[in-house]
Amino acid sequence: MTPAPVAIALDTDDLAVAARWTGQVGPHVSTLKVGLGLYLRYGPEAVARVRAAGAERVFLDLKLHDIPATVGAAAAAVAGLAPHYLTVHASGGTDMIKAAVAAAPETKITAVTVLTSLGEGDLADIGLAGPALDAARRLAALAVGAGARALVCSPREVAAIRAEVGPGVELITPGVRPPGAAGDDQTRVASPREALAAGADLLVVGRPVTRAADPAAAAAELAASLRGTG
């Protein structure tokens, strides 16, 4: 059976736990996401262990954001790990994104538009012209123009961003919560089916699966619900 278009976020600082979760949920989802905390603690070993535990695709979520030369060097440093996705912040600008694309040509450089933890008040506080939808659209267009092949955006902005960038760019949505799940630190959220219906290609889900009493069962239930069989 084809794995569901879901990336499970391995949000832990314990590599053994991340590997165990990967073994449990890997048969049901297409992608496993290694975040900044896990990577900073274990480095390339984090990617190797997750892949060995059964990850079909590895999403390396480092959200790089620095001057172009520094981001290019960082992307080159991880390119040999062959992550399917590598995130950078779209707000780093055109030259920064181009540097990442040039340094890791076999990886989908994935530009983060507006973090799903930010609300309208947060955007005003940091001086980013909103509302969030408009900011995300502007950043999406900039990133794609610079060569990004995937974008991270809130499920609430997926339809508008798809209209902005067209069909050839992969849209990845965190802030996905199954019905009844806690929002945690996410503010712009939607259910998995809502996100896919809006045009998302890959859903990022973390705690609702990894913190479940049985992560394997939670992942299987999520995958079945997206196939319309659960």
N, C-alpha and C. Protein backbone atom coordinates (compact mmCIF):
# COMPACT_ATOMS: atom_id res chain seq x y z
N MET A 1 0.84 -1.19 0.00
CA MET A 1 0.00 0.00 0.00
C MET A 1 0.89 1.25 0.00
N THR A 2 0.53 2.24 -0.81
CA THR A 2 1.32 3.45 -0.91
C THR A 2 1.27 4.23 0.40
N PRO A 3 2.43 4.64 0.91
CA PRO A 3 2.43 5.42 2.16
C PRO A 3 1.67 6.73 1.99
N ALA A 4 1.09 7.20 3.07
CA ALA A 4 0.33 8.44 3.04
C ALA A 4 1.27 9.62 2.86
N PRO A 5 0.79 10.73 2.26
CA PRO A 5 1.63 11.92 2.04
C PRO A 5 1.78 12.71 3.33
N VAL A 6 2.47 12.11 4.27
CA VAL A 6 2.65 12.68 5.62
C VAL A 6 4.12 12.61 6.00
N ALA A 7 4.62 13.69 6.59
CA ALA A 7 5.94 13.70 7.20
C ALA A 7 5.76 13.72 8.71
N ILE A 8 6.23 12.70 9.38
CA ILE A 8 6.15 12.66 10.84
C ILE A 8 7.35 13.39 11.42
N ALA A 9 7.08 14.40 12.24
CA ALA A 9 8.13 15.19 12.86
C ALA A 9 8.70 14.44 14.06
N LEU A 10 9.98 14.12 13.99
CA LEU A 10 10.65 13.38 15.07
C LEU A 10 11.16 14.39 16.10
N ASP A 11 10.23 14.97 16.83
CA ASP A 11 10.56 16.05 17.77
C ASP A 11 10.99 15.47 19.11
N THR A 12 12.24 15.06 19.17
CA THR A 12 12.84 14.51 20.38
C THR A 12 14.33 14.81 20.34
N ASP A 13 14.96 14.84 21.51
CA ASP A 13 16.42 15.01 21.54
C ASP A 13 17.13 13.70 21.81
N ASP A 14 16.39 12.59 21.67
CA ASP A 14 16.92 11.25 21.92
C ASP A 14 16.89 10.46 20.61
N LEU A 15 18.05 10.15 20.07
CA LEU A 15 18.11 9.49 18.78
C LEU A 15 17.51 8.09 18.81
N ALA A 16 17.65 7.39 19.93
CA ALA A 16 17.05 6.06 20.04
C ALA A 16 15.53 6.15 19.95
N VAL A 17 14.96 7.18 20.57
CA VAL A 17 13.51 7.39 20.49
C VAL A 17 13.11 7.71 19.06
N ALA A 18 13.87 8.58 18.39
CA ALA A 18 13.55 8.93 17.01
C ALA A 18 13.59 7.70 16.11
N ALA A 19 14.59 6.84 16.31
CA ALA A 19 14.69 5.62 15.51
C ALA A 19 13.52 4.68 15.79
N ARG A 20 13.11 4.60 17.07
CA ARG A 20 11.97 3.74 17.40
C ARG A 20 10.69 4.26 16.76
N TRP A 21 10.47 5.56 16.86
CA TRP A 21 9.28 6.13 16.21
C TRP A 21 9.31 5.87 14.71
N THR A 22 10.48 6.00 14.10
CA THR A 22 10.58 5.78 12.66
C THR A 22 10.18 4.35 12.31
N GLY A 23 10.66 3.39 13.07
CA GLY A 23 10.28 2.01 12.83
C GLY A 23 8.79 1.77 12.98
N GLN A 24 8.17 2.48 13.92
CA GLN A 24 6.74 2.30 14.16
C GLN A 24 5.88 2.94 13.08
N VAL A 25 6.23 4.14 12.66
CA VAL A 25 5.35 4.88 11.75
C VAL A 25 5.78 4.79 10.30
N GLY A 26 7.05 4.41 10.06
CA GLY A 26 7.59 4.41 8.71
C GLY A 26 6.78 3.65 7.68
N PRO A 27 6.18 2.50 8.02
CA PRO A 27 5.41 1.78 7.01
C PRO A 27 4.15 2.52 6.54
N HIS A 28 3.73 3.53 7.27
CA HIS A 28 2.45 4.17 6.97
C HIS A 28 2.59 5.54 6.32
N VAL A 29 3.78 6.15 6.38
CA VAL A 29 3.93 7.52 5.88
C VAL A 29 5.12 7.60 4.92
N SER A 30 5.12 8.64 4.11
CA SER A 30 6.15 8.75 3.06
C SER A 30 7.47 9.32 3.55
N THR A 31 7.43 10.08 4.67
CA THR A 31 8.57 10.93 5.02
C THR A 31 8.75 11.02 6.52
N LEU A 32 10.00 11.09 6.97
CA LEU A 32 10.32 11.34 8.37
C LEU A 32 11.14 12.62 8.45
N LYS A 33 10.77 13.48 9.40
CA LYS A 33 11.38 14.80 9.50
C LYS A 33 12.35 14.89 10.68
N VAL A 34 13.59 15.20 10.36
CA VAL A 34 14.63 15.43 11.37
C VAL A 34 14.75 16.94 11.57
N GLY A 35 14.48 17.39 12.78
CA GLY A 35 14.49 18.81 13.07
C GLY A 35 15.82 19.32 13.59
N LEU A 36 15.85 20.61 13.89
CA LEU A 36 17.09 21.27 14.27
C LEU A 36 17.68 20.70 15.56
N GLY A 37 16.84 20.47 16.57
CA GLY A 37 17.37 19.98 17.85
C GLY A 37 18.05 18.63 17.71
N LEU A 38 17.40 17.71 17.03
CA LEU A 38 17.97 16.37 16.86
C LEU A 38 19.25 16.43 16.04
N TYR A 39 19.25 17.25 14.99
CA TYR A 39 20.43 17.33 14.14
C TYR A 39 21.60 17.98 14.86
N LEU A 40 21.32 19.03 15.63
CA LEU A 40 22.42 19.69 16.34
C LEU A 40 23.05 18.78 17.39
N ARG A 41 22.25 17.91 17.97
CA ARG A 41 22.80 17.02 18.99
C ARG A 41 23.59 15.86 18.38
N TYR A 42 23.12 15.32 17.26
CA TYR A 42 23.74 14.10 16.73
C TYR A 42 24.40 14.27 15.37
N GLY A 43 24.12 15.38 14.69
CA GLY A 43 24.74 15.61 13.39
C GLY A 43 24.30 14.59 12.34
N PRO A 44 25.17 14.28 11.38
CA PRO A 44 24.80 13.36 10.30
C PRO A 44 24.30 12.00 10.79
N GLU A 45 24.71 11.59 12.00
CA GLU A 45 24.24 10.31 12.52
C GLU A 45 22.72 10.28 12.64
N ALA A 46 22.12 11.45 12.91
CA ALA A 46 20.65 11.48 13.03
C ALA A 46 19.99 11.06 11.73
N VAL A 47 20.50 11.57 10.63
CA VAL A 47 19.94 11.22 9.33
C VAL A 47 20.19 9.74 9.03
N ALA A 48 21.41 9.29 9.29
CA ALA A 48 21.75 7.90 9.00
C ALA A 48 20.90 6.92 9.80
N ARG A 49 20.70 7.21 11.08
CA ARG A 49 19.93 6.29 11.94
C ARG A 49 18.47 6.26 11.54
N VAL A 50 17.91 7.42 11.24
CA VAL A 50 16.51 7.48 10.84
C VAL A 50 16.30 6.75 9.51
N ARG A 51 17.23 6.94 8.61
CA ARG A 51 17.12 6.24 7.33
C ARG A 51 17.25 4.72 7.53
N ALA A 52 18.18 4.31 8.37
CA ALA A 52 18.37 2.89 8.62
C ALA A 52 17.17 2.27 9.32
N ALA A 53 16.45 3.08 10.09
CA ALA A 53 15.28 2.57 10.82
C ALA A 53 14.05 2.43 9.94
N GLY A 54 14.14 2.88 8.68
CA GLY A 54 13.04 2.65 7.77
C GLY A 54 12.46 3.87 7.09
N ALA A 55 13.10 5.02 7.21
CA ALA A 55 12.58 6.22 6.56
C ALA A 55 12.73 6.10 5.05
N GLU A 56 11.63 6.23 4.34
CA GLU A 56 11.70 6.21 2.88
C GLU A 56 12.32 7.50 2.36
N ARG A 57 11.90 8.62 2.93
CA ARG A 57 12.46 9.92 2.57
C ARG A 57 12.75 10.69 3.85
N VAL A 58 13.87 11.41 3.85
CA VAL A 58 14.25 12.20 5.02
C VAL A 58 14.07 13.68 4.70
N PHE A 59 13.37 14.36 5.58
CA PHE A 59 13.12 15.79 5.50
C PHE A 59 14.03 16.43 6.55
N LEU A 60 15.07 17.13 6.11
CA LEU A 60 16.01 17.76 7.04
C LEU A 60 15.57 19.20 7.26
N ASP A 61 14.97 19.43 8.41
CA ASP A 61 14.31 20.71 8.69
C ASP A 61 15.20 21.59 9.55
N LEU A 62 16.16 22.26 8.90
CA LEU A 62 17.13 23.10 9.61
C LEU A 62 16.77 24.58 9.54
N LYS A 63 15.89 24.95 8.64
CA LYS A 63 15.45 26.35 8.49
C LYS A 63 16.64 27.31 8.45
N LEU A 64 17.53 27.07 7.51
CA LEU A 64 18.73 27.89 7.38
C LEU A 64 18.36 29.34 7.06
N HIS A 65 19.07 30.26 7.69
CA HIS A 65 18.79 31.69 7.50
C HIS A 65 20.04 32.48 7.89
N ASP A 66 20.80 32.90 6.88
CA ASP A 66 22.04 33.63 7.13
C ASP A 66 22.44 34.30 5.82
N ILE A 67 23.63 34.85 5.76
CA ILE A 67 24.08 35.44 4.51
C ILE A 67 24.24 34.34 3.47
N PRO A 68 24.15 34.68 2.18
CA PRO A 68 24.19 33.64 1.14
C PRO A 68 25.39 32.71 1.23
N ALA A 69 26.57 33.23 1.48
CA ALA A 69 27.75 32.37 1.53
C ALA A 69 27.66 31.34 2.64
N THR A 70 27.15 31.77 3.78
CA THR A 70 27.04 30.85 4.92
C THR A 70 25.99 29.78 4.67
N VAL A 71 24.86 30.16 4.12
CA VAL A 71 23.81 29.18 3.83
C VAL A 71 24.26 28.24 2.72
N GLY A 72 24.95 28.75 1.72
CA GLY A 72 25.47 27.88 0.68
C GLY A 72 26.43 26.84 1.24
N ALA A 73 27.31 27.27 2.15
CA ALA A 73 28.25 26.33 2.76
C ALA A 73 27.52 25.30 3.61
N ALA A 74 26.50 25.74 4.34
CA ALA A 74 25.74 24.80 5.17
C ALA A 74 25.00 23.78 4.31
N ALA A 75 24.38 24.25 3.22
CA ALA A 75 23.67 23.33 2.33
C ALA A 75 24.64 22.33 1.70
N ALA A 76 25.82 22.80 1.33
CA ALA A 76 26.82 21.90 0.76
C ALA A 76 27.26 20.86 1.78
N ALA A 77 27.32 21.27 3.05
CA ALA A 77 27.78 20.36 4.10
C ALA A 77 26.82 19.20 4.32
N VAL A 78 25.53 19.41 4.08
CA VAL A 78 24.55 18.34 4.30
C VAL A 78 24.10 17.68 3.00
N ALA A 79 24.52 18.20 1.86
CA ALA A 79 24.07 17.65 0.58
C ALA A 79 24.44 16.18 0.45
N GLY A 80 25.61 15.79 0.99
CA GLY A 80 26.03 14.40 0.91
C GLY A 80 25.15 13.43 1.68
N LEU A 81 24.34 13.95 2.59
CA LEU A 81 23.41 13.11 3.34
C LEU A 81 22.18 12.76 2.51
N ALA A 82 22.04 13.42 1.37
CA ALA A 82 20.94 13.18 0.42
C ALA A 82 19.56 13.30 1.05
N PRO A 83 19.30 14.38 1.80
CA PRO A 83 17.93 14.57 2.27
C PRO A 83 17.01 14.87 1.08
N HIS A 84 15.79 14.42 1.16
CA HIS A 84 14.84 14.72 0.09
C HIS A 84 14.48 16.20 0.12
N TYR A 85 14.30 16.74 1.34
CA TYR A 85 13.99 18.16 1.52
C TYR A 85 15.01 18.78 2.48
N LEU A 86 15.33 20.05 2.25
CA LEU A 86 16.14 20.83 3.18
C LEU A 86 15.51 22.21 3.27
N THR A 87 15.17 22.64 4.48
CA THR A 87 14.48 23.92 4.62
C THR A 87 15.42 25.09 4.81
N VAL A 88 15.00 26.21 4.21
CA VAL A 88 15.61 27.52 4.43
C VAL A 88 14.46 28.50 4.67
N HIS A 89 14.76 29.64 5.27
CA HIS A 89 13.73 30.66 5.45
C HIS A 89 13.64 31.52 4.20
N ALA A 90 12.45 31.63 3.63
CA ALA A 90 12.25 32.47 2.45
C ALA A 90 12.63 33.92 2.73
N SER A 91 12.47 34.35 3.97
CA SER A 91 12.78 35.73 4.32
C SER A 91 14.27 36.03 4.25
N GLY A 92 15.11 35.00 4.03
CA GLY A 92 16.53 35.24 3.82
C GLY A 92 16.84 35.90 2.49
N GLY A 93 15.89 35.88 1.57
CA GLY A 93 16.05 36.59 0.31
C GLY A 93 16.50 35.74 -0.86
N THR A 94 16.42 36.36 -2.03
CA THR A 94 16.69 35.67 -3.28
C THR A 94 18.09 35.07 -3.35
N ASP A 95 19.10 35.86 -3.04
CA ASP A 95 20.47 35.36 -3.18
C ASP A 95 20.77 34.22 -2.23
N MET A 96 20.19 34.28 -1.02
CA MET A 96 20.41 33.20 -0.06
C MET A 96 19.80 31.90 -0.57
N ILE A 97 18.60 31.97 -1.09
CA ILE A 97 17.94 30.76 -1.59
C ILE A 97 18.70 30.21 -2.80
N LYS A 98 19.13 31.09 -3.68
CA LYS A 98 19.90 30.64 -4.84
C LYS A 98 21.18 29.92 -4.40
N ALA A 99 21.81 30.41 -3.36
CA ALA A 99 23.04 29.78 -2.87
C ALA A 99 22.75 28.36 -2.38
N ALA A 100 21.64 28.18 -1.67
CA ALA A 100 21.29 26.84 -1.20
C ALA A 100 20.98 25.91 -2.36
N VAL A 101 20.25 26.40 -3.33
CA VAL A 101 19.90 25.58 -4.51
C VAL A 101 21.16 25.14 -5.25
N ALA A 102 22.09 26.06 -5.42
CA ALA A 102 23.32 25.73 -6.14
C ALA A 102 24.18 24.73 -5.37
N ALA A 103 24.14 24.81 -4.04
CA ALA A 103 24.99 23.95 -3.22
C ALA A 103 24.44 22.54 -3.06
N ALA A 104 23.14 22.37 -3.20
CA ALA A 104 22.51 21.05 -3.00
C ALA A 104 21.53 20.78 -4.14
N PRO A 105 22.02 20.60 -5.35
CA PRO A 105 21.13 20.49 -6.51
C PRO A 105 20.25 19.25 -6.53
N GLU A 106 20.64 18.20 -5.82
CA GLU A 106 19.84 16.97 -5.82
C GLU A 106 18.78 16.96 -4.73
N THR A 107 18.78 17.98 -3.89
CA THR A 107 17.83 18.08 -2.78
C THR A 107 16.77 19.14 -3.11
N LYS A 108 15.55 18.91 -2.68
CA LYS A 108 14.52 19.93 -2.86
C LYS A 108 14.70 21.01 -1.80
N ILE A 109 15.24 22.15 -2.21
CA ILE A 109 15.34 23.26 -1.29
C ILE A 109 13.93 23.76 -1.04
N THR A 110 13.58 23.80 0.23
CA THR A 110 12.20 24.02 0.67
C THR A 110 12.15 25.31 1.48
N ALA A 111 11.46 26.30 0.96
CA ALA A 111 11.45 27.61 1.60
C ALA A 111 10.27 27.75 2.55
N VAL A 112 10.56 28.12 3.77
CA VAL A 112 9.53 28.36 4.79
C VAL A 112 9.02 29.78 4.61
N THR A 113 7.72 29.93 4.44
CA THR A 113 7.13 31.26 4.23
C THR A 113 6.93 31.95 5.58
N VAL A 114 5.77 31.72 6.20
CA VAL A 114 5.47 32.32 7.51
C VAL A 114 5.22 31.18 8.50
N LEU A 115 6.00 31.13 9.56
CA LEU A 115 5.87 30.05 10.54
C LEU A 115 4.42 29.92 11.02
N THR A 116 3.96 28.68 11.16
CA THR A 116 2.58 28.47 11.58
C THR A 116 2.33 28.82 13.04
N SER A 117 3.39 29.08 13.78
CA SER A 117 3.22 29.51 15.17
C SER A 117 2.92 31.00 15.28
N LEU A 118 3.06 31.74 14.19
CA LEU A 118 2.88 33.19 14.22
C LEU A 118 1.45 33.59 13.86
N GLY A 119 0.88 34.45 14.67
CA GLY A 119 -0.42 35.04 14.37
C GLY A 119 -0.22 36.44 13.83
N GLU A 120 -1.33 37.13 13.54
CA GLU A 120 -1.24 38.47 12.95
C GLU A 120 -0.51 39.45 13.87
N GLY A 121 -0.75 39.35 15.17
CA GLY A 121 -0.07 40.23 16.10
C GLY A 121 1.44 40.02 16.10
N ASP A 122 1.86 38.75 15.95
CA ASP A 122 3.29 38.45 15.91
C ASP A 122 3.95 39.08 14.69
N LEU A 123 3.25 39.04 13.55
CA LEU A 123 3.81 39.63 12.34
C LEU A 123 4.04 41.13 12.52
N ALA A 124 3.07 41.79 13.16
CA ALA A 124 3.21 43.21 13.42
C ALA A 124 4.39 43.48 14.35
N ASP A 125 4.56 42.63 15.34
CA ASP A 125 5.65 42.81 16.30
C ASP A 125 7.03 42.72 15.65
N ILE A 126 7.17 41.84 14.66
CA ILE A 126 8.48 41.67 14.02
C ILE A 126 8.63 42.54 12.77
N GLY A 127 7.61 43.30 12.45
CA GLY A 127 7.70 44.23 11.33
C GLY A 127 7.50 43.62 9.97
N LEU A 128 6.85 42.47 9.90
CA LEU A 128 6.55 41.83 8.62
C LEU A 128 5.15 42.24 8.19
N ALA A 129 5.06 42.91 7.05
CA ALA A 129 3.76 43.40 6.59
C ALA A 129 2.81 42.24 6.35
N GLY A 130 1.68 42.30 6.99
CA GLY A 130 0.67 41.25 6.87
C GLY A 130 -0.49 41.70 6.03
N PRO A 131 -1.61 41.02 6.11
CA PRO A 131 -1.84 39.83 6.95
C PRO A 131 -0.99 38.63 6.53
N ALA A 132 -1.07 37.55 7.32
CA ALA A 132 -0.22 36.38 7.08
C ALA A 132 -0.37 35.84 5.66
N LEU A 133 -1.58 35.84 5.13
CA LEU A 133 -1.80 35.32 3.79
C LEU A 133 -0.98 36.10 2.77
N ASP A 134 -1.03 37.43 2.85
CA ASP A 134 -0.30 38.25 1.89
C ASP A 134 1.21 38.07 2.05
N ALA A 135 1.68 38.02 3.29
CA ALA A 135 3.11 37.83 3.53
C ALA A 135 3.57 36.49 2.97
N ALA A 136 2.78 35.43 3.20
CA ALA A 136 3.15 34.10 2.70
C ALA A 136 3.18 34.07 1.18
N ARG A 137 2.24 34.72 0.54
CA ARG A 137 2.22 34.75 -0.93
C ARG A 137 3.44 35.47 -1.48
N ARG A 138 3.80 36.60 -0.88
CA ARG A 138 4.96 37.34 -1.35
C ARG A 138 6.24 36.50 -1.21
N LEU A 139 6.40 35.89 -0.05
CA LEU A 139 7.59 35.09 0.19
C LEU A 139 7.63 33.84 -0.69
N ALA A 140 6.47 33.25 -0.95
CA ALA A 140 6.40 32.08 -1.83
C ALA A 140 6.85 32.44 -3.24
N ALA A 141 6.36 33.54 -3.77
CA ALA A 141 6.74 33.95 -5.12
C ALA A 141 8.23 34.24 -5.20
N LEU A 142 8.76 34.91 -4.19
CA LEU A 142 10.20 35.22 -4.16
C LEU A 142 11.01 33.93 -4.16
N ALA A 143 10.63 32.97 -3.30
CA ALA A 143 11.39 31.74 -3.15
C ALA A 143 11.38 30.91 -4.43
N VAL A 144 10.23 30.78 -5.04
CA VAL A 144 10.14 30.00 -6.27
C VAL A 144 10.95 30.68 -7.38
N GLY A 145 10.89 31.99 -7.42
CA GLY A 145 11.70 32.71 -8.40
C GLY A 145 13.18 32.49 -8.22
N ALA A 146 13.59 32.19 -6.98
CA ALA A 146 15.00 31.94 -6.68
C ALA A 146 15.40 30.48 -6.85
N GLY A 147 14.45 29.62 -7.19
CA GLY A 147 14.78 28.23 -7.46
C GLY A 147 14.29 27.21 -6.45
N ALA A 148 13.60 27.64 -5.39
CA ALA A 148 13.04 26.67 -4.44
C ALA A 148 12.03 25.78 -5.14
N ARG A 149 12.08 24.48 -4.83
CA ARG A 149 11.16 23.54 -5.48
C ARG A 149 10.04 23.08 -4.56
N ALA A 150 10.07 23.55 -3.32
CA ALA A 150 9.00 23.23 -2.37
C ALA A 150 8.85 24.42 -1.42
N LEU A 151 7.68 24.53 -0.84
CA LEU A 151 7.38 25.62 0.08
C LEU A 151 6.70 25.06 1.32
N VAL A 152 6.97 25.68 2.45
CA VAL A 152 6.25 25.35 3.69
C VAL A 152 5.33 26.52 3.99
N CYS A 153 4.06 26.21 4.20
CA CYS A 153 3.08 27.25 4.49
C CYS A 153 1.97 26.68 5.35
N SER A 154 1.23 27.55 5.99
CA SER A 154 0.07 27.13 6.77
C SER A 154 -0.98 26.53 5.85
N PRO A 155 -1.75 25.55 6.35
CA PRO A 155 -2.84 25.02 5.52
C PRO A 155 -3.85 26.08 5.13
N ARG A 156 -3.93 27.15 5.89
CA ARG A 156 -4.88 28.21 5.56
C ARG A 156 -4.44 29.03 4.35
N GLU A 157 -3.16 28.91 3.98
CA GLU A 157 -2.65 29.69 2.84
C GLU A 157 -2.38 28.83 1.61
N VAL A 158 -2.62 27.54 1.70
CA VAL A 158 -2.26 26.64 0.61
C VAL A 158 -2.93 27.02 -0.70
N ALA A 159 -4.23 27.22 -0.70
CA ALA A 159 -4.95 27.49 -1.94
C ALA A 159 -4.44 28.76 -2.61
N ALA A 160 -4.23 29.81 -1.83
CA ALA A 160 -3.76 31.07 -2.40
C ALA A 160 -2.34 30.94 -2.93
N ILE A 161 -1.50 30.20 -2.22
CA ILE A 161 -0.12 30.03 -2.69
C ILE A 161 -0.07 29.15 -3.93
N ARG A 162 -0.92 28.13 -3.99
CA ARG A 162 -0.98 27.32 -5.20
C ARG A 162 -1.35 28.19 -6.40
N ALA A 163 -2.32 29.07 -6.21
CA ALA A 163 -2.71 29.97 -7.30
C ALA A 163 -1.55 30.90 -7.68
N GLU A 164 -0.74 31.26 -6.70
CA GLU A 164 0.38 32.17 -6.93
C GLU A 164 1.53 31.51 -7.68
N VAL A 165 1.88 30.27 -7.31
CA VAL A 165 3.10 29.66 -7.86
C VAL A 165 2.84 28.58 -8.90
N GLY A 166 1.61 28.13 -9.04
CA GLY A 166 1.30 27.12 -10.04
C GLY A 166 1.51 25.70 -9.56
N PRO A 167 1.34 24.72 -10.46
CA PRO A 167 1.30 23.32 -10.06
C PRO A 167 2.65 22.64 -9.88
N GLY A 168 3.74 23.25 -10.30
CA GLY A 168 5.00 22.54 -10.30
C GLY A 168 5.80 22.60 -9.02
N VAL A 169 5.25 23.23 -7.98
CA VAL A 169 5.96 23.41 -6.72
C VAL A 169 5.25 22.60 -5.64
N GLU A 170 6.01 21.89 -4.84
CA GLU A 170 5.43 21.06 -3.79
C GLU A 170 5.10 21.93 -2.57
N LEU A 171 3.88 21.81 -2.07
CA LEU A 171 3.44 22.59 -0.92
C LEU A 171 3.35 21.68 0.31
N ILE A 172 4.05 22.06 1.36
CA ILE A 172 4.15 21.27 2.58
C ILE A 172 3.51 22.06 3.71
N THR A 173 2.63 21.41 4.45
CA THR A 173 1.88 22.13 5.48
C THR A 173 2.06 21.53 6.86
N PRO A 174 2.76 22.26 7.74
CA PRO A 174 2.69 21.94 9.18
C PRO A 174 1.41 22.54 9.73
N GLY A 175 1.25 22.51 11.05
CA GLY A 175 0.02 23.04 11.62
C GLY A 175 -1.17 22.16 11.30
N VAL A 176 -0.91 20.86 11.05
CA VAL A 176 -1.99 19.91 10.74
C VAL A 176 -2.32 19.16 12.02
N ARG A 177 -3.58 19.18 12.39
CA ARG A 177 -4.03 18.53 13.61
C ARG A 177 -5.28 17.71 13.33
N PRO A 178 -5.23 16.39 13.60
CA PRO A 178 -6.44 15.58 13.47
C PRO A 178 -7.55 16.15 14.36
N PRO A 179 -8.82 15.96 14.00
CA PRO A 179 -9.91 16.47 14.82
C PRO A 179 -9.78 16.04 16.27
N GLY A 180 -9.89 16.99 17.18
CA GLY A 180 -9.81 16.71 18.61
C GLY A 180 -8.43 16.82 19.20
N ALA A 181 -7.39 16.94 18.34
CA ALA A 181 -6.03 17.04 18.85
C ALA A 181 -5.75 18.45 19.35
N ALA A 182 -4.86 18.57 20.33
CA ALA A 182 -4.50 19.88 20.87
C ALA A 182 -3.73 20.67 19.82
N GLY A 183 -3.90 21.99 19.85
CA GLY A 183 -3.18 22.85 18.92
C GLY A 183 -1.73 23.03 19.27
N ASP A 184 -1.36 22.79 20.54
CA ASP A 184 0.01 22.98 21.02
C ASP A 184 0.44 24.41 20.70
N ASP A 185 1.62 24.61 20.07
CA ASP A 185 2.09 25.97 19.81
C ASP A 185 1.77 26.44 18.39
N GLN A 186 0.86 25.76 17.73
CA GLN A 186 0.45 26.16 16.38
C GLN A 186 -0.80 27.05 16.48
N THR A 187 -0.86 28.09 15.63
CA THR A 187 -2.02 28.98 15.66
C THR A 187 -2.85 28.92 14.38
N ARG A 188 -2.21 28.66 13.23
CA ARG A 188 -2.95 28.64 11.96
C ARG A 188 -2.99 27.18 11.52
N VAL A 189 -4.04 26.47 11.92
CA VAL A 189 -4.08 25.02 11.77
C VAL A 189 -5.28 24.58 10.93
N ALA A 190 -5.26 23.29 10.54
CA ALA A 190 -6.38 22.67 9.83
C ALA A 190 -6.27 21.18 10.04
N SER A 191 -7.35 20.47 9.72
CA SER A 191 -7.32 19.01 9.81
C SER A 191 -6.58 18.45 8.60
N PRO A 192 -6.12 17.20 8.67
CA PRO A 192 -5.42 16.62 7.52
C PRO A 192 -6.23 16.65 6.23
N ARG A 193 -7.49 16.28 6.30
CA ARG A 193 -8.31 16.28 5.08
C ARG A 193 -8.52 17.69 4.55
N GLU A 194 -8.68 18.65 5.44
CA GLU A 194 -8.83 20.04 5.00
C GLU A 194 -7.58 20.52 4.28
N ALA A 195 -6.41 20.17 4.80
CA ALA A 195 -5.15 20.60 4.19
C ALA A 195 -4.98 19.99 2.80
N LEU A 196 -5.27 18.71 2.66
CA LEU A 196 -5.16 18.08 1.35
C LEU A 196 -6.18 18.64 0.37
N ALA A 197 -7.38 18.88 0.84
CA ALA A 197 -8.42 19.43 -0.03
C ALA A 197 -8.04 20.82 -0.53
N ALA A 198 -7.30 21.56 0.29
CA ALA A 198 -6.88 22.90 -0.10
C ALA A 198 -5.76 22.88 -1.12
N GLY A 199 -5.09 21.73 -1.29
CA GLY A 199 -4.03 21.61 -2.29
C GLY A 199 -2.67 21.26 -1.76
N ALA A 200 -2.55 20.90 -0.49
CA ALA A 200 -1.25 20.51 0.06
C ALA A 200 -0.79 19.19 -0.56
N ASP A 201 0.53 19.05 -0.70
CA ASP A 201 1.12 17.82 -1.21
C ASP A 201 1.66 16.92 -0.10
N LEU A 202 2.10 17.53 1.00
CA LEU A 202 2.69 16.78 2.10
C LEU A 202 2.27 17.44 3.41
N LEU A 203 1.78 16.64 4.34
CA LEU A 203 1.34 17.14 5.64
C LEU A 203 2.38 16.81 6.69
N VAL A 204 2.70 17.78 7.53
CA VAL A 204 3.62 17.54 8.63
C VAL A 204 2.82 17.36 9.92
N VAL A 205 2.99 16.21 10.55
CA VAL A 205 2.28 15.89 11.79
C VAL A 205 3.32 15.38 12.78
N GLY A 206 3.24 15.85 14.00
CA GLY A 206 4.20 15.42 15.00
C GLY A 206 3.55 14.80 16.21
N ARG A 207 3.34 15.62 17.24
CA ARG A 207 2.89 15.13 18.53
C ARG A 207 1.59 14.32 18.51
N PRO A 208 0.59 14.64 17.66
CA PRO A 208 -0.60 13.80 17.65
C PRO A 208 -0.31 12.32 17.34
N VAL A 209 0.80 12.06 16.67
CA VAL A 209 1.20 10.67 16.37
C VAL A 209 2.28 10.19 17.34
N THR A 210 3.36 10.95 17.48
CA THR A 210 4.49 10.46 18.28
C THR A 210 4.18 10.39 19.76
N ARG A 211 3.27 11.23 20.24
CA ARG A 211 2.92 11.19 21.66
C ARG A 211 1.71 10.32 21.95
N ALA A 212 1.18 9.67 20.92
CA ALA A 212 0.06 8.75 21.13
C ALA A 212 0.54 7.52 21.90
N ALA A 213 -0.39 6.86 22.57
CA ALA A 213 -0.04 5.65 23.31
C ALA A 213 0.55 4.59 22.40
N ASP A 214 0.09 4.55 21.15
CA ASP A 214 0.58 3.59 20.16
C ASP A 214 0.85 4.38 18.88
N PRO A 215 2.08 4.89 18.67
CA PRO A 215 2.36 5.68 17.48
C PRO A 215 2.07 4.96 16.17
N ALA A 216 2.35 3.67 16.12
CA ALA A 216 2.09 2.91 14.89
C ALA A 216 0.60 2.93 14.56
N ALA A 217 -0.24 2.70 15.57
CA ALA A 217 -1.69 2.70 15.34
C ALA A 217 -2.17 4.09 14.95
N ALA A 218 -1.60 5.13 15.59
CA ALA A 218 -2.00 6.50 15.28
C ALA A 218 -1.63 6.85 13.84
N ALA A 219 -0.44 6.43 13.40
CA ALA A 219 -0.03 6.69 12.03
C ALA A 219 -0.89 5.92 11.03
N ALA A 220 -1.20 4.67 11.36
CA ALA A 220 -2.05 3.87 10.48
C ALA A 220 -3.44 4.47 10.37
N GLU A 221 -3.97 4.96 11.48
CA GLU A 221 -5.30 5.58 11.47
C GLU A 221 -5.29 6.85 10.64
N LEU A 222 -4.24 7.65 10.80
CA LEU A 222 -4.13 8.88 10.00
C LEU A 222 -4.05 8.55 8.52
N ALA A 223 -3.20 7.58 8.16
CA ALA A 223 -3.07 7.20 6.76
C ALA A 223 -4.38 6.69 6.18
N ALA A 224 -5.09 5.88 6.95
CA ALA A 224 -6.38 5.36 6.49
C ALA A 224 -7.40 6.47 6.30
N SER A 225 -7.38 7.45 7.18
CA SER A 225 -8.34 8.55 7.06
C SER A 225 -8.10 9.36 5.81
N LEU A 226 -6.83 9.48 5.40
CA LEU A 226 -6.51 10.25 4.19
C LEU A 226 -6.86 9.47 2.93
N ARG A 227 -6.94 8.14 3.05
CA ARG A 227 -7.36 7.32 1.91
C ARG A 227 -8.88 7.19 1.87
N GLY A 228 -9.55 7.74 2.87
CA GLY A 228 -11.00 7.65 2.92
C GLY A 228 -11.52 6.33 3.41
N THR A 229 -10.64 5.56 4.09
CA THR A 229 -11.07 4.24 4.55
C THR A 229 -11.15 4.16 6.05
N GLY A 230 -10.84 5.26 6.75
CA GLY A 230 -10.85 5.23 8.19
C GLY A 230 -11.74 6.28 8.78
